Amino acid sequence: MPLSEKAKEFREARERLNEIVLKESSLTIKRFFNLDTQAYSDGALPVKSKELLGLVASLVLRCDDCIMYHLLRCHEEGVTDQEFEETMSIGLIVGGSITIPHIRRAFKEWVDLRDA
């Protein structure tokens, strides 16, 4: 699937930084990274559902890098516009109005990903 320019830059930077972390880090950090990977793999819940959950959590925590990562993964997993919008609605209800700036940026990036 094509990516927006911002998404491409984000993905490249994330991969480059992860390589540095994994090269320089202790076993503890490496195990945590692996745990994160395992948590988002197929299980009782499909990957798509897990990525939507990750997106809500990231929105509520107001982590722009995490939001971007989960937006990309949701796009790759075939999330529909309606699923994305409902996910943002849940994040807004849980996180409150303080999430609105992040929702604005998330919608902008979602449209850019969809239209790329």
Protein backbone atom coordinates (compact mmCIF):
# COMPACT_ATOMS: atom_id res chain seq x y z
CA MET A 1 0.00 0.00 0.00
CA PRO A 2 1.34 3.44 -0.82
CA LEU A 3 2.34 5.68 2.08
CA SER A 4 2.22 9.43 2.54
CA GLU A 5 5.58 11.21 2.61
CA LYS A 6 5.25 11.84 6.35
CA ALA A 7 4.51 8.16 6.94
CA LYS A 8 7.54 7.08 4.88
CA GLU A 9 9.81 9.43 6.83
CA PHE A 10 8.37 8.23 10.13
CA ARG A 11 8.81 4.56 9.24
CA GLU A 12 12.41 5.05 8.05
CA ALA A 13 13.37 7.03 11.16
CA ARG A 14 11.71 4.48 13.46
CA GLU A 15 13.51 1.57 11.82
CA ARG A 16 16.86 3.38 11.95
CA LEU A 17 16.40 4.31 15.62
CA ASN A 18 15.24 0.80 16.55
CA GLU A 19 18.40 -0.63 14.99
CA ILE A 20 20.52 1.62 17.20
CA VAL A 21 18.55 0.76 20.33
CA LEU A 22 18.71 -2.97 19.69
CA LYS A 23 22.44 -2.82 18.92
CA GLU A 24 23.31 -0.80 22.01
CA SER A 25 20.79 -2.04 24.57
CA SER A 26 20.76 -4.61 27.29
CA LEU A 27 18.78 -7.83 27.33
CA THR A 28 16.05 -6.11 29.37
CA ILE A 29 15.27 -3.61 26.62
CA LYS A 30 15.50 -6.27 23.92
CA ARG A 31 13.06 -8.47 25.84
CA PHE A 32 10.61 -5.59 26.21
CA PHE A 33 10.75 -4.87 22.47
CA ASN A 34 10.11 -8.57 21.81
CA LEU A 35 7.20 -8.61 24.26
CA ASP A 36 5.66 -5.66 22.40
CA THR A 37 6.00 -7.52 19.10
CA GLN A 38 4.43 -10.66 20.54
CA ALA A 39 1.52 -8.76 22.11
CA TYR A 40 0.44 -7.49 18.68
CA SER A 41 0.62 -10.83 16.87
CA ASP A 42 -2.42 -12.94 15.98
CA GLY A 43 -4.08 -14.71 18.89
CA ALA A 44 -7.59 -14.82 20.30
CA LEU A 45 -7.85 -11.29 18.89
CA PRO A 46 -6.77 -10.71 15.29
CA VAL A 47 -3.92 -8.31 14.57
CA LYS A 48 -6.35 -5.74 13.15
CA SER A 49 -8.26 -5.56 16.45
CA LYS A 50 -5.05 -5.32 18.44
CA GLU A 51 -3.80 -2.43 16.29
CA LEU A 52 -7.10 -0.59 16.82
CA LEU A 53 -6.71 -1.13 20.57
CA GLY A 54 -3.15 0.17 20.36
CA LEU A 55 -4.42 3.21 18.50
CA VAL A 56 -6.98 4.00 21.21
CA ALA A 57 -4.39 3.57 23.97
CA SER A 58 -1.92 5.78 22.11
CA LEU A 59 -4.55 8.46 21.60
CA VAL A 60 -5.54 8.43 25.27
CA LEU A 61 -1.87 8.60 26.29
CA ARG A 62 -1.34 11.37 23.69
CA CYS A 63 1.78 9.79 22.19
CA ASP A 64 2.10 11.14 18.64
CA ASP A 65 4.79 8.63 17.64
CA CYS A 66 2.64 5.77 18.92
CA ILE A 67 -0.44 7.16 17.16
CA MET A 68 1.49 7.36 13.88
CA TYR A 69 2.82 3.83 14.27
CA HIS A 70 -0.63 2.37 14.94
CA LEU A 71 -2.16 4.43 12.12
CA LEU A 72 0.34 2.86 9.75
CA ARG A 73 -0.34 -0.62 11.07
CA CYS A 74 -4.11 -0.08 10.91
CA HIS A 75 -3.75 1.06 7.31
CA GLU A 76 -1.69 -2.05 6.52
CA GLU A 77 -4.28 -4.27 8.23
CA GLY A 78 -7.09 -2.89 6.06
CA VAL A 79 -8.95 -0.85 8.67
CA THR A 80 -11.88 0.95 7.05
CA ASP A 81 -12.69 4.63 7.41
CA GLN A 82 -15.68 3.70 9.57
CA GLU A 83 -13.57 1.50 11.87
CA PHE A 84 -11.00 4.28 12.16
CA GLU A 85 -13.65 6.88 12.99
CA GLU A 86 -15.27 4.69 15.65
CA THR A 87 -11.85 4.03 17.17
CA MET A 88 -11.18 7.76 17.36
CA SER A 89 -14.60 8.20 18.99
CA ILE A 90 -13.73 5.69 21.71
CA GLY A 91 -10.40 7.43 22.29
CA LEU A 92 -12.16 10.77 22.61
CA ILE A 93 -14.69 9.41 25.10
CA VAL A 94 -11.99 7.76 27.22
CA GLY A 95 -9.36 10.50 26.90
CA GLY A 96 -11.55 13.58 26.82
CA SER A 97 -11.16 16.85 24.99
CA ILE A 98 -7.40 16.96 25.62
CA THR A 99 -7.08 14.33 22.86
CA ILE A 100 -8.63 16.62 20.22
CA PRO A 101 -5.30 18.00 18.87
CA HIS A 102 -4.08 14.42 18.45
CA ILE A 103 -7.35 13.42 16.79
CA ARG A 104 -6.95 16.27 14.31
CA ARG A 105 -3.47 15.09 13.34
CA ALA A 106 -4.59 11.45 13.25
CA PHE A 107 -7.46 12.23 10.87
CA LYS A 108 -5.13 14.26 8.65
CA GLU A 109 -2.64 11.40 8.47
CA TRP A 110 -5.41 8.82 7.93
CA VAL A 111 -6.70 10.80 4.95
CA ASP A 112 -3.16 11.14 3.59
CA LEU A 113 -2.58 7.38 3.94
CA ARG A 114 -5.91 6.54 2.38
CA ASP A 115 -5.42 8.92 -0.53
CA ALA A 116 -1.73 8.16 -1.18
